[in-house]
Structures are given as structure tokens and as C-alpha cells.
């Protein structure tokens, strides 16, 4: 789901963009969506050239919730290097409440679950153009989205998991702009778009085919990724019989190096997905 605010439309005019037609229906998997009047046909705007520094984007305030985690920290560091304005406040879990962390030379005060609404409302008052980026935990997805919509702050939901259908409904029933995607890399988004188009245009084309899915991630990731779920959903529409619990999760570092070919220096943070289709006659 992508609901684009005015500043995003202005950015599209200022920078070269690649527009990819995308069609998707509701499913149990994570999908990129756009909230428009016609639900099934829309465009996903993907920037294809570096963002130029302007007075407009230099002052854009950004709040990264979950910034003590690996992804949240990386997003915050990228935002700083891009010239955005990370505010000195973020939401986190109970164990992080009260902490002050230094990320990219910026001190960020972490607030726990108590008084979250008051804190976010106060921050939005101080920074009217605020955008929230969420890289928290799956268990907090729906509660956080409901909070953002209630307070009225646009957000990017990078966290996977939670009740995705409820997440979409929460945003659709609000006046808040949001980006919800299982993947933020533009090349992967393009691949998912192509898969959705193929599934929509050629349903059942691979009926009878056998699918094998292997997914290698760092040992700390215990569940199947949202990206894999989205790809599998497309294969299901193409007629392939496959369930999420059939995904082979590879989390053993030795297997990741020897079987998958993951470079040893990337064992602690990587994402290798392998999809193998076999025709009904085995050829």
C-alpha cells in the first residue's frame, strides 16, 4: 500500500521516476499497495536517480521508531547521510525506555509504551511535516499503525508481520498517507511487480509445477520473510500448489556458506532466496 502525500508528488516532479504498473488483489501475504479509488490498478513510483539536496528535503523531519534495532539504525544513518532531519525522539520497546542512543552523531531519546500517544502528538505539533519510519517488531505493527493513524502522522511501515489485512484496513479508513511493503529495495519491488503482473495476466500458467523455496537469513530471523510470502502468493495464483510452511529456512551458518554460497562476512546480515520450479514431467 502506498498513499502519496503532496510532498511526494512534488518530489516526483523534481526527480526522474520509473513508473511500474502493478495489479494486486487481497491475499494473506504482504504486498505493496496503493490506496486509490480503484483498488486493483495503480502505479508504484520508484526513484531512478539520486535525490538532489534542496532546501525542501534538507528540513524534512523523520522519526525512526525501533532505531535501536539493526534495520532502524541503518535507516536512521541513511537518513542522516541523505540530509534529512532526524528528530531526537523515537518510540521503542519497554526495555529501551529512557535510553539515549547515539546514531550517526545524533542523540535519540527512546520512549517506551507508556504515553506514546501524548509523545507522538507533541512531536507532530513541533514538527508538522513529520514522517515516521517503523522498524519495530511484528507484535507492534497493528498497534503502532493504529497510533499513527489516530494521531495523523504519515508513516512508512518497514516492519513485517502482524495482521496485514487489518493493517491495510486501518490505513484505508484513515486520512493518513502510508507506505507498506515487504521490501524497500527498488529492484526487488520491481521484481515483485513483475510477478504480480504475470500472476494477474496468466493465472494457472504453472499448474502442476512443483515449487521448492529455500530462504537464507541471519540466525536471528526466525520467520519466513514478507518478500518470500509475496512471491509465493504470486506462484499460487499461477497455479502452483505450495504453502508457506513448506519453505526451507536455512539459518545454520555452515550451511549458508557451503550450500547457499553466502560470503562469510555477510552471515550476520543477508537475504538469499531461491525459487526452483520443476515441470510436471520432471524435465
Protein backbone atom coordinates (compact mmCIF):
# COMPACT_ATOMS: atom_id res chain seq x y z
CA UNK A 1 0.00 0.00 0.00
CA UNK A 2 1.26 3.44 -0.89
CA UNK A 3 -0.72 6.61 -0.18
CA UNK A 4 1.24 9.53 -1.57
CA UNK A 5 1.17 12.96 0.14
CA UNK A 6 1.68 16.28 -1.61
CA UNK A 7 5.40 16.42 -0.86
CA UNK A 8 5.83 13.04 -2.56
CA UNK A 9 4.03 14.33 -5.64
CA UNK A 10 6.31 17.35 -5.69
CA UNK A 11 9.33 15.09 -5.37
CA UNK A 12 8.13 13.07 -8.34
CA UNK A 13 8.08 16.26 -10.40
CA UNK A 14 11.56 17.24 -9.25
CA UNK A 15 13.27 13.90 -9.81
CA UNK A 16 13.23 11.33 -12.58
CA UNK A 17 10.97 8.43 -11.71
CA UNK A 18 10.21 5.00 -13.07
CA UNK A 19 6.50 4.17 -13.07
CA UNK A 20 5.67 0.50 -12.88
CA UNK A 21 2.09 -0.71 -13.45
CA UNK A 22 1.07 -3.03 -10.65
CA UNK A 23 -2.02 -5.13 -10.11
CA UNK A 24 -2.76 -6.99 -6.93
CA UNK A 25 -5.72 -8.27 -5.01
CA UNK A 26 -6.05 -9.08 -1.37
CA UNK A 27 -4.21 -12.09 -0.07
CA UNK A 28 -2.79 -13.28 3.21
CA UNK A 29 0.70 -12.31 2.12
CA UNK A 30 2.41 -8.95 2.31
CA UNK A 31 2.03 -6.84 -0.83
CA UNK A 32 2.90 -3.34 -1.88
CA UNK A 33 -0.40 -1.48 -2.12
CA UNK A 34 -1.66 1.92 -3.12
CA UNK A 35 -4.82 3.30 -1.62
CA UNK A 36 -6.80 4.78 -4.52
CA UNK A 37 -10.42 4.61 -5.58
CA UNK A 38 -9.82 1.70 -7.99
CA UNK A 39 -8.08 -0.84 -5.83
CA UNK A 40 -6.60 -3.15 -8.45
CA UNK A 41 -4.84 -0.87 -10.92
CA UNK A 42 -2.26 1.67 -9.88
CA UNK A 43 1.28 2.92 -10.29
CA UNK A 44 4.22 2.48 -7.99
CA UNK A 45 6.69 5.38 -8.28
CA UNK A 46 10.30 4.37 -7.89
CA UNK A 47 13.09 6.93 -7.96
CA UNK A 48 15.75 6.08 -10.52
CA UNK A 49 18.19 8.93 -9.92
CA UNK A 50 19.91 10.27 -6.80
CA UNK A 51 17.89 12.75 -4.74
CA UNK A 52 19.27 16.24 -5.17
CA UNK A 53 19.70 18.26 -1.98
CA UNK A 54 17.17 21.09 -1.82
CA UNK A 55 16.04 23.39 0.94
CA UNK A 56 12.79 21.44 0.94
CA UNK A 57 14.19 17.97 1.64
CA UNK A 58 17.02 19.19 3.91
CA UNK A 59 14.49 20.17 6.57
CA UNK A 60 12.26 17.09 6.32
CA UNK A 61 11.87 15.76 9.87
CA UNK A 62 11.95 11.98 10.24
CA UNK A 63 11.21 9.85 13.30
CA UNK A 64 12.59 6.31 13.18
CA UNK A 65 10.82 4.06 15.65
CA UNK A 66 12.80 0.94 16.53
CA UNK A 67 16.08 2.73 15.82
CA UNK A 68 17.94 0.58 18.37
CA UNK A 69 17.48 -2.41 16.06
CA UNK A 70 19.66 -3.23 13.08
CA UNK A 71 17.29 -2.02 10.35
CA UNK A 72 16.10 1.02 12.27
CA UNK A 73 19.67 2.11 12.92
CA UNK A 74 20.60 1.62 9.25
CA UNK A 75 17.60 3.68 8.11
CA UNK A 76 18.45 6.46 10.53
CA UNK A 77 22.08 6.54 9.39
CA UNK A 78 20.93 6.63 5.74
CA UNK A 79 18.52 9.47 6.51
CA UNK A 80 21.30 11.47 8.12
CA UNK A 81 23.63 10.91 5.17
CA UNK A 82 20.83 11.96 2.78
CA UNK A 83 20.50 15.30 4.54
CA UNK A 84 17.17 14.64 6.25
CA UNK A 85 16.46 15.87 9.77
CA UNK A 86 16.10 13.02 12.29
CA UNK A 87 14.31 14.28 15.36
CA UNK A 88 15.83 13.47 18.78
CA UNK A 89 12.90 11.29 19.85
CA UNK A 90 11.83 7.74 18.96
CA UNK A 91 9.45 5.06 20.20
CA UNK A 92 10.76 1.68 21.27
CA UNK A 93 10.03 -1.29 23.48
CA UNK A 94 9.76 -1.27 27.29
CA UNK A 95 13.37 -2.41 27.71
CA UNK A 96 14.65 0.57 25.72
CA UNK A 97 12.53 3.18 27.50
CA UNK A 98 14.60 6.04 28.87
CA UNK A 99 17.70 5.21 26.87
CA UNK A 100 19.58 7.85 24.91
CA UNK A 101 21.40 6.37 21.93
CA UNK A 102 23.94 7.97 19.63
CA UNK A 103 23.36 7.14 15.97
CA UNK A 104 25.32 8.87 13.26
CA UNK A 105 26.35 11.59 15.69
CA UNK A 106 22.73 12.28 16.70
CA UNK A 107 21.40 11.62 20.21
CA UNK A 108 17.97 9.98 20.19
CA UNK A 109 15.84 9.59 23.33
CA UNK A 110 13.81 6.38 23.36
CA UNK A 111 10.32 6.29 24.86
CA UNK A 112 8.59 3.05 25.81
CA UNK A 113 4.95 2.06 25.50
CA UNK A 114 3.52 4.43 28.14
CA UNK A 115 2.16 7.81 27.00
CA UNK A 116 3.03 7.03 23.37
CA UNK A 117 0.07 8.97 22.01
CA UNK A 118 0.91 12.10 24.01
CA UNK A 119 4.56 11.90 22.96
CA UNK A 120 3.77 11.43 19.27
CA UNK A 121 1.16 14.21 19.31
CA UNK A 122 3.64 16.56 20.94
CA UNK A 123 6.31 15.68 18.38
CA UNK A 124 3.89 16.23 15.47
CA UNK A 125 2.95 19.64 16.86
CA UNK A 126 6.62 20.62 16.96
CA UNK A 127 7.37 19.05 13.55
CA UNK A 128 4.21 19.44 11.38
CA UNK A 129 5.88 17.82 8.33
CA UNK A 130 6.96 14.76 10.32
CA UNK A 131 7.24 11.35 8.66
CA UNK A 132 7.56 8.22 10.80
CA UNK A 133 9.54 5.16 9.71
CA UNK A 134 8.67 1.99 11.64
CA UNK A 135 11.20 -0.81 12.05
CA UNK A 136 9.99 -2.18 15.36
CA UNK A 137 8.74 -5.75 15.95
CA UNK A 138 5.91 -7.78 14.33
CA UNK A 139 3.87 -7.80 17.54
CA UNK A 140 3.72 -4.00 17.49
CA UNK A 141 2.75 -3.50 13.83
CA UNK A 142 -1.01 -3.10 14.19
CA UNK A 143 -0.92 -1.14 17.42
CA UNK A 144 1.68 1.25 16.02
CA UNK A 145 -0.21 1.74 12.75
CA UNK A 146 -3.40 2.49 14.67
CA UNK A 147 -1.48 5.06 16.72
CA UNK A 148 -0.01 6.78 13.66
CA UNK A 149 -3.43 6.96 12.02
CA UNK A 150 -5.11 8.25 15.18
CA UNK A 151 -2.54 11.00 15.68
CA UNK A 152 -2.47 11.75 11.95
CA UNK A 153 1.16 11.26 11.03
CA UNK A 154 2.23 9.75 7.67
CA UNK A 155 4.41 6.68 8.02
CA UNK A 156 6.47 4.01 6.31
CA UNK A 157 5.85 0.52 7.72
CA UNK A 158 9.04 -1.43 7.14
CA UNK A 159 8.23 -3.95 9.86
CA UNK A 160 6.84 -7.26 8.59
CA UNK A 161 4.34 -9.44 10.42
CA UNK A 162 1.22 -8.54 12.32
CA UNK A 163 -2.27 -8.79 10.86
CA UNK A 164 -1.66 -7.38 7.39
CA UNK A 165 -5.33 -7.27 6.36
CA UNK A 166 -6.13 -5.28 9.50
CA UNK A 167 -3.14 -3.06 8.79
CA UNK A 168 -4.45 -2.22 5.31
CA UNK A 169 -7.94 -1.52 6.68
CA UNK A 170 -6.57 0.75 9.39
CA UNK A 171 -4.80 2.91 6.82
CA UNK A 172 -7.62 2.82 4.27
CA UNK A 173 -10.10 4.04 6.89
CA UNK A 174 -7.88 6.95 7.88
CA UNK A 175 -6.71 10.17 6.26
CA UNK A 176 -3.07 9.24 6.77
CA UNK A 177 -0.54 8.63 4.00
CA UNK A 178 1.40 5.38 4.35
CA UNK A 179 3.84 3.12 2.55
CA UNK A 180 3.53 -0.57 3.40
CA UNK A 181 5.82 -3.03 1.67
CA UNK A 182 7.59 -6.31 2.45
CA UNK A 183 10.64 -4.90 0.66
CA UNK A 184 12.03 -1.41 0.20
CA UNK A 185 14.77 -2.18 -2.35
CA UNK A 186 13.60 -0.79 -5.71
CA UNK A 187 14.96 -3.74 -7.72
CA UNK A 188 13.10 -6.23 -5.51
CA UNK A 189 9.96 -4.09 -5.68
CA UNK A 190 10.27 -4.17 -9.48
CA UNK A 191 10.62 -7.97 -9.40
CA UNK A 192 7.56 -8.30 -7.17
CA UNK A 193 5.64 -6.01 -9.52
CA UNK A 194 6.58 -8.22 -12.47
CA UNK A 195 5.47 -11.33 -10.56
CA UNK A 196 2.13 -9.73 -9.69
CA UNK A 197 1.56 -8.72 -13.32
CA UNK A 198 2.37 -12.23 -14.55
CA UNK A 199 0.10 -13.81 -11.94
CA UNK A 200 -2.72 -11.45 -12.88
CA UNK A 201 -2.33 -11.89 -16.65
CA UNK A 202 -1.57 -15.62 -16.74
CA UNK A 203 -3.43 -17.30 -13.85
CA UNK A 204 -2.83 -21.04 -13.68
CA UNK A 205 0.03 -20.92 -16.21
CA UNK A 206 2.21 -23.12 -13.99
CA UNK A 207 -0.47 -25.52 -12.81
CA UNK A 208 1.05 -28.88 -11.91
CA UNK A 209 4.55 -27.50 -11.47
CA UNK A 210 6.49 -28.34 -8.31
CA UNK A 211 7.98 -25.43 -6.36
CA UNK A 212 10.89 -25.52 -3.94
CA UNK A 213 11.74 -22.46 -1.88
CA UNK A 214 14.87 -22.02 0.20
CA UNK A 215 15.38 -18.88 2.23
CA UNK A 216 18.64 -17.98 3.95
CA UNK A 217 18.76 -15.19 6.51
CA UNK A 218 20.81 -14.41 9.59
CA UNK A 219 20.09 -16.75 12.52
CA UNK A 220 18.15 -14.07 14.41
CA UNK A 221 15.37 -14.09 11.79
CA UNK A 222 13.11 -16.96 12.75
CA UNK A 223 10.12 -16.44 10.46
CA UNK A 224 9.57 -16.51 6.70
CA UNK A 225 10.19 -13.07 5.21
CA UNK A 226 7.40 -10.91 3.84
CA UNK A 227 9.16 -10.86 0.47
CA UNK A 228 9.08 -14.66 0.20
CA UNK A 229 5.41 -14.69 1.19
CA UNK A 230 4.62 -12.19 -1.56
CA UNK A 231 6.48 -14.22 -4.20
CA UNK A 232 4.82 -17.45 -3.07
CA UNK A 233 1.42 -15.76 -3.28
CA UNK A 234 2.14 -14.99 -6.94
CA UNK A 235 3.14 -18.59 -7.64
CA UNK A 236 -0.10 -19.75 -6.01
CA UNK A 237 -2.07 -17.52 -8.39
CA UNK A 238 -0.07 -19.03 -11.24
CA UNK A 239 -1.44 -22.44 -10.27
CA UNK A 240 1.40 -23.81 -8.15
CA UNK A 241 0.36 -25.74 -5.05
CA UNK A 242 2.61 -24.53 -2.24
CA UNK A 243 2.15 -23.48 1.39
CA UNK A 244 4.28 -21.16 3.50
CA UNK A 245 5.22 -23.93 5.94
CA UNK A 246 6.96 -25.73 3.05
CA UNK A 247 9.65 -23.04 2.84
CA UNK A 248 13.06 -24.41 3.81
CA UNK A 249 14.51 -21.95 6.31
CA UNK A 250 18.32 -22.03 6.30
CA UNK A 251 19.72 -20.43 9.42
CA UNK A 252 22.81 -22.58 10.07
CA UNK A 253 25.93 -20.51 9.19
CA UNK A 254 27.80 -23.58 7.95
CA UNK A 255 25.01 -24.50 5.52
CA UNK A 256 24.68 -20.88 4.46
CA UNK A 257 28.33 -20.78 3.45
CA UNK A 258 28.66 -24.27 1.96
CA UNK A 259 25.24 -24.85 0.39
CA UNK A 260 23.94 -21.37 -0.37
CA UNK A 261 27.22 -19.59 -1.02
CA UNK A 262 26.74 -16.70 1.37
CA UNK A 263 30.04 -14.80 1.84
CA UNK A 264 31.25 -15.37 5.38
CA UNK A 265 31.46 -11.64 6.10
CA UNK A 266 27.70 -11.33 5.43
CA UNK A 267 26.50 -14.23 7.59
CA UNK A 268 25.28 -11.85 10.31
CA UNK A 269 23.10 -9.91 7.88
CA UNK A 270 21.94 -11.22 4.49
CA UNK A 271 18.91 -12.36 2.48
CA UNK A 272 19.28 -15.14 -0.11
CA UNK A 273 16.06 -16.51 -1.65
CA UNK A 274 15.97 -19.45 -4.07
CA UNK A 275 12.87 -20.46 -6.04
CA UNK A 276 13.06 -23.66 -8.11
CA UNK A 277 10.22 -24.72 -10.42
CA UNK A 278 10.05 -28.25 -11.87
CA UNK A 279 7.64 -29.16 -14.67
CA UNK A 280 5.06 -31.92 -14.08
CA UNK A 281 7.06 -34.44 -16.14
CA UNK A 282 10.27 -33.60 -14.28
CA UNK A 283 12.08 -32.13 -17.29
